[in-house]
Amino acid sequence: MATYHTPTFERLSAAKRSRILKAATGEFASKGFQGTNVNTIAAAAGISVGAVYKYFASKEDLFLTVVDMGYSALDKILWEIIADEGDIFQKIERLLRAAIAYSRENPEIVQVYLNMTTQGLAYLSRDLSGKIETIAAQYYQSLVAAFRSKGLVASDVDERIAAFCLDSLLLIFQFSYACTYYQERLKIFVGPQAFDDDERLIRGLMQFIRRALS
């Protein structure tokens, strides 16, 4: 797997690496890639601008390292759920609960991911989407196909389209717990108390998904 930082960055203590990436994540989340200044990241991390460029060849490489950090965390969660026992609906419900937890704990990473989907970063998004989305697409497709063969999913469900719908639902759900625009959007659709009862949201989504797939 490609890395976007220098070997010097690897030799730093875990605490210092974490401090630098936390500062970078905060800046990229609040100002976007174009609006972020490396000087500000350096000041927030307590290092010199020269040190930043010892660890990353460019602002783009620093951004990609932040994206990779978030991707690795999500990938770990996904594979833990894959390894769990349970049918397709139990696994999807676990994914919904994981999306809530991850977004509340890591709202800035989710915002960085949202920023990455903008047209202004299309030159990066093409490569990144191939890496990030392919694994999710393959997972959902295999999940739908496996449980279709067991009779839990309707025989006429197209696993590729179903995978796209499931991933899109999970993506918007995740944004709704981390990004102001999507939070307000959810309140418009579900009601002003949308975030007061996570269980209501999960029950409603699972009812919709079960009826769509069964």
N, C-alpha and C. Protein backbone atom coordinates (compact mmCIF):
# COMPACT_ATOMS: atom_id res chain seq x y z
N MET A 1 0.85 -1.19 0.00
CA MET A 1 0.00 0.00 0.00
C MET A 1 0.89 1.24 0.00
N ALA A 2 0.54 2.23 -0.83
CA ALA A 2 1.33 3.44 -0.93
C ALA A 2 1.28 4.23 0.37
N THR A 3 2.40 4.85 0.71
CA THR A 3 2.44 5.77 1.85
C THR A 3 2.80 7.15 1.33
N TYR A 4 2.35 8.17 2.04
CA TYR A 4 2.52 9.54 1.56
C TYR A 4 3.42 10.36 2.47
N HIS A 5 4.03 9.71 3.47
CA HIS A 5 4.94 10.42 4.35
C HIS A 5 6.35 9.86 4.16
N THR A 6 7.33 10.58 4.68
CA THR A 6 8.72 10.16 4.54
C THR A 6 9.09 9.18 5.65
N PRO A 7 10.20 8.45 5.49
CA PRO A 7 10.66 7.56 6.56
C PRO A 7 10.94 8.31 7.86
N THR A 8 11.30 9.57 7.76
CA THR A 8 11.57 10.38 8.96
C THR A 8 10.33 10.47 9.84
N PHE A 9 9.18 10.59 9.23
CA PHE A 9 7.93 10.66 10.00
C PHE A 9 7.71 9.37 10.78
N GLU A 10 8.05 8.25 10.18
CA GLU A 10 7.89 6.95 10.86
C GLU A 10 8.75 6.85 12.10
N ARG A 11 9.87 7.55 12.10
CA ARG A 11 10.79 7.45 13.24
C ARG A 11 10.38 8.33 14.42
N LEU A 12 9.37 9.17 14.24
CA LEU A 12 8.89 10.00 15.34
C LEU A 12 8.16 9.15 16.37
N SER A 13 8.04 9.65 17.56
CA SER A 13 7.24 8.95 18.57
C SER A 13 5.78 8.93 18.15
N ALA A 14 5.04 7.95 18.65
CA ALA A 14 3.62 7.84 18.31
C ALA A 14 2.87 9.09 18.74
N ALA A 15 3.26 9.66 19.89
CA ALA A 15 2.58 10.85 20.40
C ALA A 15 2.79 12.04 19.48
N LYS A 16 4.01 12.19 18.95
CA LYS A 16 4.28 13.33 18.07
C LYS A 16 3.59 13.15 16.73
N ARG A 17 3.60 11.93 16.19
CA ARG A 17 2.88 11.68 14.94
C ARG A 17 1.40 12.00 15.11
N SER A 18 0.84 11.55 16.22
CA SER A 18 -0.57 11.79 16.49
C SER A 18 -0.86 13.29 16.59
N ARG A 19 0.02 14.03 17.24
CA ARG A 19 -0.18 15.47 17.40
C ARG A 19 -0.18 16.19 16.05
N ILE A 20 0.73 15.80 15.18
CA ILE A 20 0.82 16.42 13.86
C ILE A 20 -0.43 16.10 13.03
N LEU A 21 -0.83 14.84 13.03
CA LEU A 21 -1.99 14.44 12.23
C LEU A 21 -3.28 15.02 12.80
N LYS A 22 -3.36 15.17 14.11
CA LYS A 22 -4.55 15.78 14.72
C LYS A 22 -4.66 17.25 14.30
N ALA A 23 -3.52 17.95 14.32
CA ALA A 23 -3.52 19.35 13.90
C ALA A 23 -3.90 19.48 12.43
N ALA A 24 -3.35 18.61 11.60
CA ALA A 24 -3.66 18.65 10.17
C ALA A 24 -5.12 18.32 9.92
N THR A 25 -5.64 17.32 10.62
CA THR A 25 -7.04 16.93 10.45
C THR A 25 -7.97 18.09 10.79
N GLY A 26 -7.69 18.77 11.88
CA GLY A 26 -8.51 19.91 12.30
C GLY A 26 -8.54 21.01 11.26
N GLU A 27 -7.37 21.31 10.69
CA GLU A 27 -7.30 22.36 9.68
C GLU A 27 -8.00 21.96 8.38
N PHE A 28 -7.73 20.76 7.91
CA PHE A 28 -8.37 20.30 6.67
C PHE A 28 -9.88 20.20 6.83
N ALA A 29 -10.34 19.80 8.02
CA ALA A 29 -11.77 19.67 8.26
C ALA A 29 -12.47 21.03 8.25
N SER A 30 -11.84 22.02 8.88
CA SER A 30 -12.50 23.32 9.01
C SER A 30 -12.31 24.23 7.80
N LYS A 31 -11.19 24.08 7.08
CA LYS A 31 -10.89 25.01 5.99
C LYS A 31 -10.83 24.36 4.61
N GLY A 32 -10.93 23.03 4.57
CA GLY A 32 -10.82 22.36 3.29
C GLY A 32 -9.37 22.31 2.82
N PHE A 33 -9.12 21.52 1.79
CA PHE A 33 -7.75 21.36 1.31
C PHE A 33 -7.17 22.67 0.79
N GLN A 34 -7.93 23.37 -0.05
CA GLN A 34 -7.42 24.59 -0.67
C GLN A 34 -7.18 25.69 0.36
N GLY A 35 -8.05 25.79 1.36
CA GLY A 35 -7.94 26.86 2.35
C GLY A 35 -6.95 26.61 3.47
N THR A 36 -6.44 25.41 3.57
CA THR A 36 -5.52 25.07 4.66
C THR A 36 -4.11 25.55 4.36
N ASN A 37 -3.49 26.13 5.39
CA ASN A 37 -2.12 26.63 5.28
C ASN A 37 -1.20 25.75 6.13
N VAL A 38 -0.11 25.29 5.53
CA VAL A 38 0.83 24.43 6.25
C VAL A 38 1.41 25.15 7.45
N ASN A 39 1.61 26.46 7.36
CA ASN A 39 2.14 27.22 8.50
C ASN A 39 1.23 27.08 9.72
N THR A 40 -0.08 27.14 9.48
CA THR A 40 -1.04 27.02 10.58
C THR A 40 -0.99 25.63 11.20
N ILE A 41 -0.86 24.61 10.37
CA ILE A 41 -0.74 23.24 10.88
C ILE A 41 0.51 23.10 11.73
N ALA A 42 1.62 23.64 11.24
CA ALA A 42 2.88 23.57 11.98
C ALA A 42 2.75 24.23 13.35
N ALA A 43 2.13 25.42 13.38
CA ALA A 43 1.96 26.13 14.65
C ALA A 43 1.07 25.33 15.61
N ALA A 44 -0.01 24.77 15.09
CA ALA A 44 -0.92 23.99 15.94
C ALA A 44 -0.25 22.73 16.47
N ALA A 45 0.68 22.16 15.70
CA ALA A 45 1.36 20.93 16.11
C ALA A 45 2.60 21.22 16.95
N GLY A 46 3.00 22.48 17.02
CA GLY A 46 4.17 22.84 17.80
C GLY A 46 5.48 22.46 17.14
N ILE A 47 5.51 22.50 15.81
CA ILE A 47 6.74 22.19 15.06
C ILE A 47 6.98 23.29 14.03
N SER A 48 8.15 23.28 13.42
CA SER A 48 8.45 24.28 12.40
C SER A 48 7.87 23.87 11.05
N VAL A 49 7.73 24.86 10.17
CA VAL A 49 7.25 24.56 8.83
C VAL A 49 8.25 23.66 8.11
N GLY A 50 9.54 23.90 8.36
CA GLY A 50 10.57 23.06 7.76
C GLY A 50 10.43 21.60 8.17
N ALA A 51 10.03 21.38 9.43
CA ALA A 51 9.85 20.01 9.91
C ALA A 51 8.69 19.32 9.19
N VAL A 52 7.64 20.09 8.92
CA VAL A 52 6.50 19.51 8.19
C VAL A 52 6.99 18.95 6.86
N TYR A 53 7.83 19.71 6.17
CA TYR A 53 8.30 19.28 4.85
C TYR A 53 9.40 18.22 4.94
N LYS A 54 9.92 18.00 6.14
CA LYS A 54 10.79 16.84 6.33
C LYS A 54 9.97 15.55 6.41
N TYR A 55 8.72 15.70 6.88
CA TYR A 55 7.86 14.54 7.08
C TYR A 55 6.95 14.27 5.88
N PHE A 56 6.62 15.35 5.14
CA PHE A 56 5.72 15.23 3.99
C PHE A 56 6.25 16.09 2.86
N ALA A 57 6.30 15.54 1.66
CA ALA A 57 6.87 16.27 0.53
C ALA A 57 6.01 17.46 0.13
N SER A 58 4.72 17.43 0.44
CA SER A 58 3.82 18.50 0.03
C SER A 58 2.59 18.51 0.93
N LYS A 59 1.81 19.57 0.82
CA LYS A 59 0.54 19.63 1.55
C LYS A 59 -0.37 18.50 1.09
N GLU A 60 -0.30 18.18 -0.18
CA GLU A 60 -1.12 17.10 -0.72
C GLU A 60 -0.78 15.77 -0.05
N ASP A 61 0.51 15.51 0.16
CA ASP A 61 0.91 14.26 0.83
C ASP A 61 0.44 14.22 2.27
N LEU A 62 0.46 15.38 2.93
CA LEU A 62 -0.04 15.44 4.31
C LEU A 62 -1.55 15.16 4.32
N PHE A 63 -2.27 15.74 3.39
CA PHE A 63 -3.71 15.49 3.28
C PHE A 63 -4.00 14.02 3.04
N LEU A 64 -3.24 13.41 2.13
CA LEU A 64 -3.45 12.00 1.81
C LEU A 64 -3.12 11.10 3.00
N THR A 65 -2.17 11.51 3.82
CA THR A 65 -1.84 10.75 5.03
C THR A 65 -3.00 10.80 6.02
N VAL A 66 -3.62 11.97 6.15
CA VAL A 66 -4.80 12.11 7.02
C VAL A 66 -5.94 11.23 6.51
N VAL A 67 -6.16 11.25 5.20
CA VAL A 67 -7.22 10.42 4.61
C VAL A 67 -6.93 8.94 4.87
N ASP A 68 -5.68 8.54 4.70
CA ASP A 68 -5.29 7.15 4.94
C ASP A 68 -5.53 6.74 6.39
N MET A 69 -5.26 7.66 7.31
CA MET A 69 -5.47 7.38 8.73
C MET A 69 -6.95 7.07 8.99
N GLY A 70 -7.83 7.90 8.44
CA GLY A 70 -9.26 7.66 8.60
C GLY A 70 -9.70 6.39 7.92
N TYR A 71 -9.16 6.14 6.73
CA TYR A 71 -9.51 4.94 5.98
C TYR A 71 -9.11 3.69 6.75
N SER A 72 -7.93 3.69 7.36
CA SER A 72 -7.46 2.52 8.10
C SER A 72 -8.36 2.21 9.29
N ALA A 73 -8.81 3.28 9.97
CA ALA A 73 -9.69 3.08 11.12
C ALA A 73 -11.03 2.49 10.68
N LEU A 74 -11.59 3.01 9.58
CA LEU A 74 -12.86 2.49 9.08
C LEU A 74 -12.72 1.06 8.56
N ASP A 75 -11.60 0.80 7.91
CA ASP A 75 -11.35 -0.54 7.39
C ASP A 75 -11.31 -1.57 8.51
N LYS A 76 -10.70 -1.20 9.63
CA LYS A 76 -10.61 -2.09 10.79
C LYS A 76 -12.02 -2.40 11.32
N ILE A 77 -12.86 -1.36 11.41
CA ILE A 77 -14.22 -1.55 11.90
C ILE A 77 -14.99 -2.48 10.96
N LEU A 78 -14.84 -2.24 9.65
CA LEU A 78 -15.56 -3.05 8.66
C LEU A 78 -15.18 -4.52 8.77
N TRP A 79 -13.89 -4.80 8.88
CA TRP A 79 -13.45 -6.20 8.92
C TRP A 79 -13.83 -6.88 10.23
N GLU A 80 -13.94 -6.12 11.31
CA GLU A 80 -14.41 -6.69 12.57
C GLU A 80 -15.87 -7.13 12.44
N ILE A 81 -16.67 -6.32 11.74
CA ILE A 81 -18.08 -6.67 11.54
C ILE A 81 -18.21 -7.85 10.58
N ILE A 82 -17.37 -7.88 9.56
CA ILE A 82 -17.36 -9.01 8.63
C ILE A 82 -17.11 -10.32 9.38
N ALA A 83 -16.18 -10.26 10.33
CA ALA A 83 -15.79 -11.47 11.06
C ALA A 83 -16.84 -11.91 12.08
N ASP A 84 -17.75 -11.00 12.45
CA ASP A 84 -18.78 -11.33 13.44
C ASP A 84 -19.76 -12.36 12.89
N GLU A 85 -20.38 -13.08 13.81
CA GLU A 85 -21.46 -13.99 13.44
C GLU A 85 -22.71 -13.15 13.15
N GLY A 86 -23.66 -13.74 12.44
CA GLY A 86 -24.93 -13.06 12.23
C GLY A 86 -25.32 -13.02 10.77
N ASP A 87 -26.60 -12.72 10.53
CA ASP A 87 -27.08 -12.65 9.16
C ASP A 87 -26.86 -11.25 8.59
N ILE A 88 -27.30 -11.03 7.36
CA ILE A 88 -27.06 -9.77 6.68
C ILE A 88 -27.65 -8.59 7.43
N PHE A 89 -28.82 -8.77 8.01
CA PHE A 89 -29.49 -7.65 8.68
C PHE A 89 -28.82 -7.32 10.01
N GLN A 90 -28.33 -8.33 10.70
CA GLN A 90 -27.58 -8.09 11.94
C GLN A 90 -26.28 -7.34 11.63
N LYS A 91 -25.63 -7.71 10.54
CA LYS A 91 -24.38 -7.05 10.18
C LYS A 91 -24.63 -5.59 9.75
N ILE A 92 -25.70 -5.36 9.01
CA ILE A 92 -26.02 -3.99 8.59
C ILE A 92 -26.36 -3.14 9.81
N GLU A 93 -27.09 -3.70 10.76
CA GLU A 93 -27.40 -2.93 11.97
C GLU A 93 -26.12 -2.58 12.74
N ARG A 94 -25.17 -3.52 12.79
CA ARG A 94 -23.90 -3.22 13.45
C ARG A 94 -23.16 -2.09 12.72
N LEU A 95 -23.26 -2.09 11.39
CA LEU A 95 -22.63 -1.02 10.61
C LEU A 95 -23.27 0.33 10.93
N LEU A 96 -24.58 0.37 11.07
CA LEU A 96 -25.26 1.62 11.42
C LEU A 96 -24.79 2.12 12.78
N ARG A 97 -24.70 1.22 13.74
CA ARG A 97 -24.26 1.61 15.08
C ARG A 97 -22.79 2.06 15.06
N ALA A 98 -21.99 1.36 14.26
CA ALA A 98 -20.58 1.76 14.14
C ALA A 98 -20.45 3.13 13.49
N ALA A 99 -21.32 3.43 12.51
CA ALA A 99 -21.29 4.73 11.85
C ALA A 99 -21.59 5.85 12.83
N ILE A 100 -22.57 5.64 13.71
CA ILE A 100 -22.90 6.64 14.72
C ILE A 100 -21.71 6.86 15.65
N ALA A 101 -21.15 5.78 16.16
CA ALA A 101 -20.04 5.88 17.11
C ALA A 101 -18.83 6.55 16.48
N TYR A 102 -18.48 6.11 15.27
CA TYR A 102 -17.30 6.66 14.61
C TYR A 102 -17.47 8.15 14.32
N SER A 103 -18.64 8.54 13.84
CA SER A 103 -18.86 9.94 13.48
C SER A 103 -18.86 10.84 14.71
N ARG A 104 -19.39 10.36 15.81
CA ARG A 104 -19.38 11.17 17.03
C ARG A 104 -17.97 11.29 17.62
N GLU A 105 -17.19 10.24 17.46
CA GLU A 105 -15.83 10.25 18.01
C GLU A 105 -14.83 10.94 17.07
N ASN A 106 -15.11 10.92 15.78
CA ASN A 106 -14.15 11.44 14.79
C ASN A 106 -14.83 12.36 13.76
N PRO A 107 -15.53 13.40 14.22
CA PRO A 107 -16.26 14.24 13.27
C PRO A 107 -15.35 14.94 12.26
N GLU A 108 -14.13 15.27 12.68
CA GLU A 108 -13.23 15.97 11.76
C GLU A 108 -12.77 15.07 10.62
N ILE A 109 -12.52 13.80 10.92
CA ILE A 109 -12.13 12.86 9.86
C ILE A 109 -13.26 12.69 8.85
N VAL A 110 -14.49 12.61 9.34
CA VAL A 110 -15.65 12.49 8.46
C VAL A 110 -15.77 13.73 7.58
N GLN A 111 -15.50 14.91 8.16
CA GLN A 111 -15.56 16.15 7.39
C GLN A 111 -14.47 16.17 6.32
N VAL A 112 -13.30 15.67 6.64
CA VAL A 112 -12.22 15.59 5.64
C VAL A 112 -12.65 14.70 4.48
N TYR A 113 -13.28 13.58 4.82
CA TYR A 113 -13.76 12.66 3.77
C TYR A 113 -14.80 13.36 2.90
N LEU A 114 -15.71 14.11 3.53
CA LEU A 114 -16.73 14.84 2.78
C LEU A 114 -16.07 15.87 1.86
N ASN A 115 -15.07 16.58 2.36
CA ASN A 115 -14.35 17.56 1.54
C ASN A 115 -13.69 16.89 0.34
N MET A 116 -13.22 15.68 0.55
CA MET A 116 -12.53 14.95 -0.51
C MET A 116 -13.45 14.64 -1.69
N THR A 117 -14.77 14.62 -1.43
CA THR A 117 -15.71 14.28 -2.49
C THR A 117 -16.08 15.46 -3.36
N THR A 118 -15.57 16.65 -3.06
CA THR A 118 -15.91 17.83 -3.84
C THR A 118 -15.20 17.81 -5.19
N GLN A 119 -15.77 18.51 -6.14
CA GLN A 119 -15.20 18.54 -7.49
C GLN A 119 -13.82 19.17 -7.52
N GLY A 120 -13.56 20.08 -6.58
CA GLY A 120 -12.25 20.74 -6.53
C GLY A 120 -11.11 19.78 -6.28
N LEU A 121 -11.42 18.63 -5.70
CA LEU A 121 -10.38 17.63 -5.44
C LEU A 121 -10.56 16.40 -6.33
N ALA A 122 -11.18 16.61 -7.48
CA ALA A 122 -11.43 15.49 -8.40
C ALA A 122 -10.15 14.78 -8.80
N TYR A 123 -9.07 15.53 -8.95
CA TYR A 123 -7.81 14.92 -9.37
C TYR A 123 -7.26 13.97 -8.32
N LEU A 124 -7.65 14.15 -7.06
CA LEU A 124 -7.27 13.20 -6.01
C LEU A 124 -8.34 12.14 -5.82
N SER A 125 -9.59 12.54 -5.97
CA SER A 125 -10.71 11.66 -5.65
C SER A 125 -10.76 10.42 -6.52
N ARG A 126 -10.35 10.55 -7.77
CA ARG A 126 -10.43 9.39 -8.66
C ARG A 126 -9.60 8.22 -8.13
N ASP A 127 -8.39 8.53 -7.70
CA ASP A 127 -7.53 7.47 -7.15
C ASP A 127 -8.01 7.02 -5.78
N LEU A 128 -8.40 7.99 -4.94
CA LEU A 128 -8.81 7.64 -3.59
C LEU A 128 -10.09 6.84 -3.56
N SER A 129 -11.05 7.19 -4.43
CA SER A 129 -12.31 6.44 -4.43
C SER A 129 -12.08 5.00 -4.87
N GLY A 130 -11.15 4.82 -5.80
CA GLY A 130 -10.85 3.46 -6.23
C GLY A 130 -10.35 2.61 -5.08
N LYS A 131 -9.57 3.22 -4.21
CA LYS A 131 -9.01 2.49 -3.07
C LYS A 131 -10.06 2.29 -1.97
N ILE A 132 -10.75 3.36 -1.61
CA ILE A 132 -11.66 3.33 -0.47
C ILE A 132 -12.96 2.60 -0.79
N GLU A 133 -13.52 2.89 -1.96
CA GLU A 133 -14.85 2.37 -2.27
C GLU A 133 -14.85 0.92 -2.76
N THR A 134 -13.75 0.49 -3.38
CA THR A 134 -13.73 -0.86 -3.95
C THR A 134 -13.94 -1.92 -2.88
N ILE A 135 -13.29 -1.75 -1.74
CA ILE A 135 -13.43 -2.74 -0.67
C ILE A 135 -14.87 -2.78 -0.17
N ALA A 136 -15.47 -1.60 0.04
CA ALA A 136 -16.86 -1.56 0.51
C ALA A 136 -17.80 -2.19 -0.51
N ALA A 137 -17.58 -1.88 -1.80
CA ALA A 137 -18.44 -2.43 -2.86
C ALA A 137 -18.36 -3.96 -2.87
N GLN A 138 -17.15 -4.48 -2.78
CA GLN A 138 -16.98 -5.93 -2.80
C GLN A 138 -17.61 -6.58 -1.57
N TYR A 139 -17.48 -5.93 -0.43
CA TYR A 139 -18.05 -6.48 0.80
C TYR A 139 -19.57 -6.55 0.71
N TYR A 140 -20.21 -5.47 0.32
CA TYR A 140 -21.67 -5.45 0.24
C TYR A 140 -22.19 -6.41 -0.83
N GLN A 141 -21.51 -6.46 -1.95
CA GLN A 141 -21.94 -7.37 -3.02
C GLN A 141 -21.89 -8.83 -2.56
N SER A 142 -20.78 -9.19 -1.91
CA SER A 142 -20.64 -10.58 -1.45
C SER A 142 -21.64 -10.87 -0.33
N LEU A 143 -21.92 -9.89 0.51
CA LEU A 143 -22.87 -10.07 1.60
C LEU A 143 -24.27 -10.32 1.06
N VAL A 144 -24.69 -9.49 0.10
CA VAL A 144 -26.02 -9.65 -0.50
C VAL A 144 -26.12 -10.99 -1.22
N ALA A 145 -25.09 -11.32 -2.00
CA ALA A 145 -25.12 -12.57 -2.77
C ALA A 145 -25.17 -13.78 -1.85
N ALA A 146 -24.39 -13.75 -0.77
CA ALA A 146 -24.34 -14.89 0.15
C ALA A 146 -25.69 -15.13 0.81
N PHE A 147 -26.34 -14.07 1.25
CA PHE A 147 -27.61 -14.25 1.95
C PHE A 147 -28.79 -14.35 0.99
N ARG A 148 -28.60 -13.99 -0.26
CA ARG A 148 -29.62 -14.28 -1.28
C ARG A 148 -29.67 -15.79 -1.51
N SER A 149 -28.49 -16.41 -1.52
CA SER A 149 -28.45 -17.86 -1.72
C SER A 149 -29.06 -18.61 -0.55
N LYS A 150 -29.14 -17.95 0.63
CA LYS A 150 -29.73 -18.59 1.80
C LYS A 150 -31.21 -18.25 1.96
N GLY A 151 -31.72 -17.41 1.05
CA GLY A 151 -33.14 -17.09 1.08
C GLY A 151 -33.52 -15.88 1.91
N LEU A 152 -32.56 -15.20 2.52
CA LEU A 152 -32.87 -14.02 3.32
C LEU A 152 -33.01 -12.77 2.46
N VAL A 153 -32.43 -12.79 1.27
CA VAL A 153 -32.54 -11.69 0.32
C VAL A 153 -33.31 -12.19 -0.89
N ALA A 154 -34.20 -11.37 -1.41
CA ALA A 154 -35.04 -11.77 -2.54
C ALA A 154 -34.19 -12.19 -3.74
N SER A 155 -34.66 -13.19 -4.46
CA SER A 155 -33.88 -13.77 -5.56
C SER A 155 -33.66 -12.80 -6.71
N ASP A 156 -34.52 -11.78 -6.84
CA ASP A 156 -34.37 -10.85 -7.96
C ASP A 156 -33.59 -9.59 -7.61
N VAL A 157 -32.99 -9.54 -6.42
CA VAL A 157 -32.19 -8.38 -6.02
C VAL A 157 -30.83 -8.43 -6.72
N ASP A 158 -30.48 -7.33 -7.37
CA ASP A 158 -29.18 -7.20 -8.03
C ASP A 158 -28.14 -6.79 -6.98
N GLU A 159 -27.16 -7.65 -6.72
CA GLU A 159 -26.23 -7.37 -5.62
C GLU A 159 -25.39 -6.11 -5.83
N ARG A 160 -25.11 -5.75 -7.07
CA ARG A 160 -24.30 -4.56 -7.32
C ARG A 160 -25.10 -3.29 -7.03
N ILE A 161 -26.35 -3.26 -7.46
CA ILE A 161 -27.18 -2.10 -7.18
C ILE A 161 -27.52 -2.03 -5.69
N ALA A 162 -27.81 -3.19 -5.11
CA ALA A 162 -28.10 -3.22 -3.67
C ALA A 162 -26.89 -2.74 -2.87
N ALA A 163 -25.69 -3.13 -3.29
CA ALA A 163 -24.46 -2.70 -2.62
C ALA A 163 -24.32 -1.18 -2.69
N PHE A 164 -24.60 -0.63 -3.86
CA PHE A 164 -24.52 0.83 -4.03
C PHE A 164 -25.52 1.53 -3.11
N CYS A 165 -26.74 1.02 -3.04
CA CYS A 165 -27.76 1.63 -2.18
C CYS A 165 -27.39 1.55 -0.70
N LEU A 166 -26.90 0.40 -0.28
CA LEU A 166 -26.51 0.23 1.13
C LEU A 166 -25.36 1.16 1.50
N ASP A 167 -24.35 1.21 0.64
CA ASP A 167 -23.20 2.06 0.94
C ASP A 167 -23.60 3.53 0.95
N SER A 168 -24.45 3.92 0.02
CA SER A 168 -24.90 5.32 -0.05
C SER A 168 -25.68 5.69 1.21
N LEU A 169 -26.53 4.78 1.67
CA LEU A 169 -27.30 5.02 2.89
C LEU A 169 -26.36 5.18 4.09
N LEU A 170 -25.40 4.27 4.20
CA LEU A 170 -24.45 4.34 5.32
C LEU A 170 -23.63 5.62 5.26
N LEU A 171 -23.25 6.04 4.05
CA LEU A 171 -22.44 7.24 3.89
C LEU A 171 -23.19 8.48 4.35
N ILE A 172 -24.42 8.64 3.88
CA ILE A 172 -25.22 9.80 4.28
C ILE A 172 -25.53 9.75 5.78
N PHE A 173 -25.77 8.56 6.29
CA PHE A 173 -26.03 8.39 7.72
C PHE A 173 -24.82 8.86 8.53
N GLN A 174 -23.64 8.50 8.08
CA GLN A 174 -22.41 8.90 8.77
C GLN A 174 -22.23 10.42 8.71
N PHE A 175 -22.43 11.00 7.54
CA PHE A 175 -22.32 12.46 7.42
C PHE A 175 -23.32 13.16 8.34
N SER A 176 -24.47 12.56 8.53
CA SER A 176 -25.53 13.18 9.33
C SER A 176 -25.17 13.30 10.80
N TYR A 177 -24.21 12.53 11.24
CA TYR A 177 -23.78 12.61 12.64
C TYR A 177 -22.50 13.43 12.82
N ALA A 178 -21.96 13.98 11.73
CA ALA A 178 -20.68 14.69 11.86
C ALA A 178 -20.65 16.06 11.20
N CYS A 179 -21.50 16.31 10.21
CA CYS A 179 -21.41 17.52 9.40
C CYS A 179 -22.68 18.35 9.55
N THR A 180 -22.51 19.64 9.81
CA THR A 180 -23.64 20.51 10.13
C THR A 180 -24.73 20.48 9.07
N TYR A 181 -24.35 20.58 7.79
CA TYR A 181 -25.36 20.60 6.73
C TYR A 181 -26.21 19.33 6.79
N TYR A 182 -25.57 18.18 6.91
CA TYR A 182 -26.31 16.92 6.92
C TYR A 182 -27.08 16.72 8.22
N GLN A 183 -26.60 17.30 9.30
CA GLN A 183 -27.35 17.25 10.55
C GLN A 183 -28.67 18.01 10.40
N GLU A 184 -28.58 19.22 9.83
CA GLU A 184 -29.80 20.00 9.62
C GLU A 184 -30.72 19.32 8.61
N ARG A 185 -30.15 18.71 7.62
CA ARG A 185 -30.92 17.98 6.61
C ARG A 185 -31.72 16.85 7.25
N LEU A 186 -31.06 16.10 8.14
CA LEU A 186 -31.75 15.00 8.81
C LEU A 186 -32.91 15.51 9.65
N LYS A 187 -32.72 16.66 10.31
CA LYS A 187 -33.79 17.24 11.13
C LYS A 187 -34.99 17.63 10.27
N ILE A 188 -34.73 18.12 9.05
CA ILE A 188 -35.82 18.49 8.15
C ILE A 188 -36.63 17.26 7.77
N PHE A 189 -35.93 16.18 7.47
CA PHE A 189 -36.62 14.96 7.03
C PHE A 189 -37.26 14.20 8.19
N VAL A 190 -36.55 14.09 9.29
CA VAL A 190 -36.99 13.20 10.38
C VAL A 190 -37.68 13.96 11.51
N GLY A 191 -37.33 15.24 11.68
CA GLY A 191 -37.90 16.05 12.74
C GLY A 191 -36.82 16.68 13.58
N PRO A 192 -37.14 17.77 14.29
CA PRO A 192 -36.12 18.52 15.06
C PRO A 192 -35.46 17.71 16.17
N GLN A 193 -36.13 16.64 16.61
CA GLN A 193 -35.55 15.80 17.67
C GLN A 193 -34.88 14.55 17.08
N ALA A 194 -34.44 14.64 15.84
CA ALA A 194 -33.87 13.47 15.14
C ALA A 194 -32.74 12.82 15.91
N PHE A 195 -31.92 13.63 16.59
CA PHE A 195 -30.74 13.07 17.27
C PHE A 195 -31.00 12.73 18.73
N ASP A 196 -32.24 12.87 19.15
CA ASP A 196 -32.56 12.55 20.54
C ASP A 196 -32.79 11.06 20.77
N ASP A 197 -32.99 10.32 19.70
CA ASP A 197 -33.33 8.89 19.83
C ASP A 197 -32.67 8.10 18.70
N ASP A 198 -31.43 7.67 18.94
CA ASP A 198 -30.71 6.88 17.93
C ASP A 198 -31.45 5.59 17.59
N GLU A 199 -32.08 5.00 18.61
CA GLU A 199 -32.75 3.72 18.39
C GLU A 199 -33.92 3.86 17.41
N ARG A 200 -34.61 4.98 17.47
CA ARG A 200 -35.70 5.22 16.52
C ARG A 200 -35.16 5.25 15.09
N LEU A 201 -34.04 5.93 14.89
CA LEU A 201 -33.44 6.00 13.56
C LEU A 201 -33.01 4.62 13.07
N ILE A 202 -32.35 3.88 13.95
CA ILE A 202 -31.87 2.56 13.57
C ILE A 202 -33.04 1.63 13.24
N ARG A 203 -34.09 1.67 14.08
CA ARG A 203 -35.26 0.83 13.81
C ARG A 203 -35.89 1.17 12.46
N GLY A 204 -36.03 2.47 12.19
CA GLY A 204 -36.64 2.90 10.94
C GLY A 204 -35.82 2.51 9.73
N LEU A 205 -34.52 2.68 9.82
CA LEU A 205 -33.65 2.32 8.70
C LEU A 205 -33.64 0.82 8.48
N MET A 206 -33.59 0.06 9.57
CA MET A 206 -33.57 -1.39 9.43
C MET A 206 -34.89 -1.92 8.86
N GLN A 207 -36.00 -1.29 9.23
CA GLN A 207 -37.29 -1.68 8.66
C GLN A 207 -37.28 -1.44 7.15
N PHE A 208 -36.76 -0.28 6.75
CA PHE A 208 -36.68 0.06 5.33
C PHE A 208 -35.77 -0.93 4.57
N ILE A 209 -34.62 -1.22 5.15
CA ILE A 209 -33.65 -2.12 4.50
C ILE A 209 -34.20 -3.54 4.40
N ARG A 210 -34.83 -4.02 5.47
CA ARG A 210 -35.39 -5.37 5.43
C ARG A 210 -36.45 -5.50 4.34
N ARG A 211 -37.30 -4.49 4.23
CA ARG A 211 -38.35 -4.55 3.22
C ARG A 211 -37.80 -4.41 1.81
N ALA A 212 -36.70 -3.68 1.69
CA ALA A 212 -36.09 -3.51 0.37
C ALA A 212 -35.41 -4.78 -0.12
N LEU A 213 -34.82 -5.53 0.80
CA LEU A 213 -34.03 -6.70 0.41
C LEU A 213 -34.79 -8.03 0.52
N SER A 214 -35.74 -8.09 1.41
CA SER A 214 -36.39 -9.38 1.69
C SER A 214 -37.36 -9.77 0.57
